[in-house]
Amino acid sequence: MAWGGERNSWARAKGERKVIEMLKDDHRKVKGLLDEFDSAEGSERGEIAATAIMELVIHAELEEKLIYPAISQEIEEDDMMNDAIEEHAV
């Protein structure tokens, strides 16, 4: 029975690392798009901006639906989480 608990903890930790890496990849992707935007001209800027906005919307939804609830379950800082959720919405 204990081994199953350890296995679940290991799987959860591995999944958490995967999610964190995905979020970091999202940050790098958007930063790259913003760098491209700076050097782009004309309609290309609009296309890059639209892509960056789409990436940010997806990223925000993942954080709000997966990350924030998981963090809320693990910490007892309701005020901090409420502030983070409110700031994220802005």
N, C-alpha and C. Protein backbone atom coordinates (compact mmCIF):
# COMPACT_ATOMS: atom_id res chain seq x y z
N MET A 1 0.82 -1.19 0.00
CA MET A 1 0.00 0.00 0.00
C MET A 1 0.87 1.26 0.00
N ALA A 2 1.93 1.26 0.80
CA ALA A 2 2.80 2.43 0.87
C ALA A 2 3.44 2.72 -0.48
N TRP A 3 3.80 1.64 -1.20
CA TRP A 3 4.46 1.86 -2.49
C TRP A 3 3.54 2.60 -3.44
N GLY A 4 2.26 2.29 -3.43
CA GLY A 4 1.30 2.98 -4.28
C GLY A 4 1.23 4.46 -3.96
N GLY A 5 1.29 4.78 -2.65
CA GLY A 5 1.30 6.18 -2.24
C GLY A 5 2.54 6.89 -2.73
N GLU A 6 3.70 6.21 -2.62
CA GLU A 6 4.95 6.79 -3.11
C GLU A 6 4.90 6.97 -4.62
N ARG A 7 4.33 6.01 -5.31
CA ARG A 7 4.22 6.09 -6.76
C ARG A 7 3.35 7.26 -7.17
N ASN A 8 2.23 7.43 -6.47
CA ASN A 8 1.34 8.56 -6.77
C ASN A 8 2.03 9.89 -6.51
N SER A 9 2.79 9.97 -5.41
CA SER A 9 3.53 11.20 -5.11
C SER A 9 4.56 11.47 -6.19
N TRP A 10 5.26 10.44 -6.63
CA TRP A 10 6.27 10.58 -7.68
C TRP A 10 5.61 11.03 -8.98
N ALA A 11 4.50 10.42 -9.33
CA ALA A 11 3.79 10.78 -10.56
C ALA A 11 3.28 12.21 -10.48
N ARG A 12 2.77 12.60 -9.32
CA ARG A 12 2.29 13.96 -9.16
C ARG A 12 3.44 14.96 -9.29
N ALA A 13 4.57 14.66 -8.66
CA ALA A 13 5.74 15.54 -8.74
C ALA A 13 6.24 15.64 -10.18
N LYS A 14 6.24 14.52 -10.89
CA LYS A 14 6.67 14.54 -12.29
C LYS A 14 5.70 15.38 -13.13
N GLY A 15 4.41 15.23 -12.88
CA GLY A 15 3.41 16.02 -13.59
C GLY A 15 3.53 17.50 -13.28
N GLU A 16 3.83 17.82 -12.02
CA GLU A 16 3.99 19.22 -11.63
C GLU A 16 5.19 19.83 -12.35
N ARG A 17 6.29 19.08 -12.43
CA ARG A 17 7.47 19.59 -13.14
C ARG A 17 7.15 19.82 -14.61
N LYS A 18 6.36 18.92 -15.18
CA LYS A 18 5.99 19.05 -16.59
C LYS A 18 5.15 20.31 -16.81
N VAL A 19 4.19 20.56 -15.93
CA VAL A 19 3.35 21.74 -16.04
C VAL A 19 4.19 23.00 -15.88
N ILE A 20 5.10 23.01 -14.91
CA ILE A 20 5.96 24.18 -14.70
C ILE A 20 6.82 24.42 -15.93
N GLU A 21 7.37 23.37 -16.51
CA GLU A 21 8.18 23.53 -17.73
C GLU A 21 7.34 24.07 -18.89
N MET A 22 6.08 23.61 -18.98
CA MET A 22 5.19 24.12 -20.02
C MET A 22 4.95 25.61 -19.83
N LEU A 23 4.73 26.04 -18.59
CA LEU A 23 4.50 27.45 -18.32
C LEU A 23 5.75 28.28 -18.64
N LYS A 24 6.91 27.75 -18.28
CA LYS A 24 8.16 28.45 -18.60
C LYS A 24 8.34 28.55 -20.12
N ASP A 25 8.00 27.48 -20.83
CA ASP A 25 8.08 27.50 -22.30
C ASP A 25 7.14 28.57 -22.86
N ASP A 26 5.95 28.68 -22.28
CA ASP A 26 5.01 29.71 -22.71
C ASP A 26 5.61 31.10 -22.52
N HIS A 27 6.24 31.32 -21.38
CA HIS A 27 6.85 32.62 -21.11
C HIS A 27 7.93 32.93 -22.15
N ARG A 28 8.77 31.92 -22.44
CA ARG A 28 9.83 32.12 -23.44
C ARG A 28 9.24 32.39 -24.82
N LYS A 29 8.17 31.67 -25.16
CA LYS A 29 7.54 31.84 -26.47
C LYS A 29 6.99 33.26 -26.62
N VAL A 30 6.29 33.75 -25.61
CA VAL A 30 5.72 35.10 -25.68
C VAL A 30 6.83 36.14 -25.69
N LYS A 31 7.87 35.94 -24.90
CA LYS A 31 8.99 36.88 -24.92
C LYS A 31 9.60 36.92 -26.31
N GLY A 32 9.76 35.77 -26.95
CA GLY A 32 10.27 35.71 -28.31
C GLY A 32 9.37 36.46 -29.28
N LEU A 33 8.07 36.30 -29.13
CA LEU A 33 7.12 37.02 -29.99
C LEU A 33 7.23 38.52 -29.79
N LEU A 34 7.40 38.96 -28.54
CA LEU A 34 7.54 40.39 -28.28
C LEU A 34 8.84 40.93 -28.88
N ASP A 35 9.90 40.12 -28.83
CA ASP A 35 11.15 40.53 -29.47
C ASP A 35 10.96 40.64 -30.98
N GLU A 36 10.25 39.67 -31.58
CA GLU A 36 9.96 39.73 -33.02
C GLU A 36 9.13 40.97 -33.35
N PHE A 37 8.16 41.27 -32.49
CA PHE A 37 7.29 42.42 -32.70
C PHE A 37 8.11 43.70 -32.78
N ASP A 38 9.10 43.83 -31.90
CA ASP A 38 9.94 45.04 -31.88
C ASP A 38 10.66 45.28 -33.20
N SER A 39 11.06 44.20 -33.87
CA SER A 39 11.82 44.37 -35.10
C SER A 39 10.95 44.25 -36.36
N ALA A 40 9.66 43.94 -36.17
CA ALA A 40 8.76 43.77 -37.32
C ALA A 40 8.21 45.11 -37.79
N GLU A 41 7.62 45.08 -38.97
CA GLU A 41 7.01 46.29 -39.54
C GLU A 41 5.66 45.94 -40.15
N GLY A 42 4.82 46.94 -40.23
CA GLY A 42 3.55 46.82 -40.95
C GLY A 42 2.64 45.73 -40.43
N SER A 43 2.04 45.02 -41.37
CA SER A 43 1.03 44.02 -41.01
C SER A 43 1.63 42.84 -40.24
N GLU A 44 2.93 42.66 -40.39
CA GLU A 44 3.59 41.58 -39.65
C GLU A 44 3.47 41.82 -38.14
N ARG A 45 3.50 43.08 -37.73
CA ARG A 45 3.35 43.41 -36.31
C ARG A 45 1.98 42.97 -35.80
N GLY A 46 0.94 43.19 -36.61
CA GLY A 46 -0.40 42.78 -36.22
C GLY A 46 -0.52 41.27 -36.06
N GLU A 47 0.10 40.54 -36.98
CA GLU A 47 0.06 39.07 -36.91
C GLU A 47 0.79 38.57 -35.66
N ILE A 48 1.94 39.17 -35.38
CA ILE A 48 2.71 38.77 -34.21
C ILE A 48 1.93 39.11 -32.93
N ALA A 49 1.33 40.29 -32.90
CA ALA A 49 0.55 40.70 -31.73
C ALA A 49 -0.63 39.74 -31.51
N ALA A 50 -1.31 39.38 -32.57
CA ALA A 50 -2.45 38.46 -32.45
C ALA A 50 -1.99 37.10 -31.91
N THR A 51 -0.86 36.62 -32.39
CA THR A 51 -0.32 35.34 -31.91
C THR A 51 0.05 35.45 -30.44
N ALA A 52 0.71 36.55 -30.05
CA ALA A 52 1.10 36.74 -28.65
C ALA A 52 -0.12 36.79 -27.75
N ILE A 53 -1.16 37.49 -28.18
CA ILE A 53 -2.39 37.58 -27.38
C ILE A 53 -3.02 36.20 -27.22
N MET A 54 -3.09 35.44 -28.30
CA MET A 54 -3.66 34.10 -28.23
C MET A 54 -2.85 33.23 -27.25
N GLU A 55 -1.53 33.30 -27.32
CA GLU A 55 -0.68 32.53 -26.42
C GLU A 55 -0.90 32.94 -24.97
N LEU A 56 -1.03 34.24 -24.73
CA LEU A 56 -1.25 34.72 -23.36
C LEU A 56 -2.61 34.30 -22.82
N VAL A 57 -3.63 34.29 -23.66
CA VAL A 57 -4.96 33.86 -23.23
C VAL A 57 -4.93 32.39 -22.83
N ILE A 58 -4.31 31.56 -23.65
CA ILE A 58 -4.20 30.13 -23.35
C ILE A 58 -3.42 29.94 -22.05
N HIS A 59 -2.30 30.64 -21.94
CA HIS A 59 -1.45 30.55 -20.76
C HIS A 59 -2.22 30.94 -19.50
N ALA A 60 -2.94 32.04 -19.57
CA ALA A 60 -3.70 32.51 -18.41
C ALA A 60 -4.78 31.50 -18.01
N GLU A 61 -5.45 30.94 -18.99
CA GLU A 61 -6.49 29.95 -18.68
C GLU A 61 -5.90 28.72 -18.00
N LEU A 62 -4.74 28.26 -18.49
CA LEU A 62 -4.10 27.11 -17.85
C LEU A 62 -3.72 27.42 -16.41
N GLU A 63 -3.15 28.60 -16.20
CA GLU A 63 -2.79 28.97 -14.83
C GLU A 63 -4.02 29.04 -13.94
N GLU A 64 -5.06 29.68 -14.43
CA GLU A 64 -6.25 29.88 -13.61
C GLU A 64 -7.01 28.59 -13.34
N LYS A 65 -7.01 27.67 -14.30
CA LYS A 65 -7.79 26.43 -14.15
C LYS A 65 -6.99 25.29 -13.53
N LEU A 66 -5.65 25.29 -13.71
CA LEU A 66 -4.85 24.18 -13.20
C LEU A 66 -3.90 24.58 -12.08
N ILE A 67 -3.16 25.64 -12.29
CA ILE A 67 -2.12 25.99 -11.35
C ILE A 67 -2.69 26.59 -10.07
N TYR A 68 -3.50 27.63 -10.20
CA TYR A 68 -4.02 28.30 -9.01
C TYR A 68 -4.81 27.36 -8.09
N PRO A 69 -5.71 26.53 -8.63
CA PRO A 69 -6.42 25.61 -7.73
C PRO A 69 -5.47 24.63 -7.03
N ALA A 70 -4.45 24.16 -7.73
CA ALA A 70 -3.51 23.22 -7.12
C ALA A 70 -2.72 23.91 -6.01
N ILE A 71 -2.30 25.14 -6.25
CA ILE A 71 -1.56 25.88 -5.22
C ILE A 71 -2.47 26.15 -4.03
N SER A 72 -3.70 26.54 -4.30
CA SER A 72 -4.65 26.85 -3.22
C SER A 72 -4.87 25.66 -2.29
N GLN A 73 -4.83 24.46 -2.83
CA GLN A 73 -5.00 23.26 -2.01
C GLN A 73 -3.80 23.00 -1.12
N GLU A 74 -2.63 23.48 -1.53
CA GLU A 74 -1.40 23.17 -0.81
C GLU A 74 -0.98 24.23 0.20
N ILE A 75 -1.47 25.45 0.07
CA ILE A 75 -1.07 26.51 0.99
C ILE A 75 -2.28 27.07 1.70
N GLU A 76 -2.03 27.75 2.79
CA GLU A 76 -3.12 28.36 3.56
C GLU A 76 -3.02 29.88 3.48
N GLU A 77 -2.84 30.37 2.29
CA GLU A 77 -2.68 31.81 2.06
C GLU A 77 -3.79 32.29 1.13
N ASP A 78 -5.02 32.27 1.62
CA ASP A 78 -6.16 32.66 0.80
C ASP A 78 -6.02 34.09 0.27
N ASP A 79 -5.56 35.00 1.14
CA ASP A 79 -5.43 36.39 0.72
C ASP A 79 -4.42 36.52 -0.43
N MET A 80 -3.30 35.81 -0.32
CA MET A 80 -2.29 35.87 -1.36
C MET A 80 -2.83 35.30 -2.68
N MET A 81 -3.56 34.20 -2.60
CA MET A 81 -4.12 33.59 -3.80
C MET A 81 -5.18 34.50 -4.41
N ASN A 82 -6.01 35.11 -3.57
CA ASN A 82 -7.03 36.02 -4.09
C ASN A 82 -6.38 37.21 -4.79
N ASP A 83 -5.30 37.73 -4.20
CA ASP A 83 -4.57 38.83 -4.82
C ASP A 83 -3.97 38.40 -6.15
N ALA A 84 -3.40 37.19 -6.19
CA ALA A 84 -2.79 36.69 -7.42
C ALA A 84 -3.84 36.50 -8.51
N ILE A 85 -4.98 35.97 -8.15
CA ILE A 85 -6.06 35.76 -9.12
C ILE A 85 -6.58 37.10 -9.63
N GLU A 86 -6.74 38.06 -8.74
CA GLU A 86 -7.22 39.38 -9.15
C GLU A 86 -6.19 40.06 -10.07
N GLU A 87 -4.92 39.98 -9.70
CA GLU A 87 -3.86 40.59 -10.52
C GLU A 87 -3.80 39.92 -11.89
N HIS A 88 -3.97 38.62 -11.91
CA HIS A 88 -3.93 37.89 -13.18
C HIS A 88 -5.07 38.33 -14.09
N ALA A 89 -6.23 38.57 -13.49
CA ALA A 89 -7.39 38.99 -14.28
C ALA A 89 -7.16 40.34 -14.94
N VAL A 90 -6.40 41.20 -14.26
CA VAL A 90 -6.11 42.53 -14.80
C VAL A 90 -5.19 42.36 -15.98
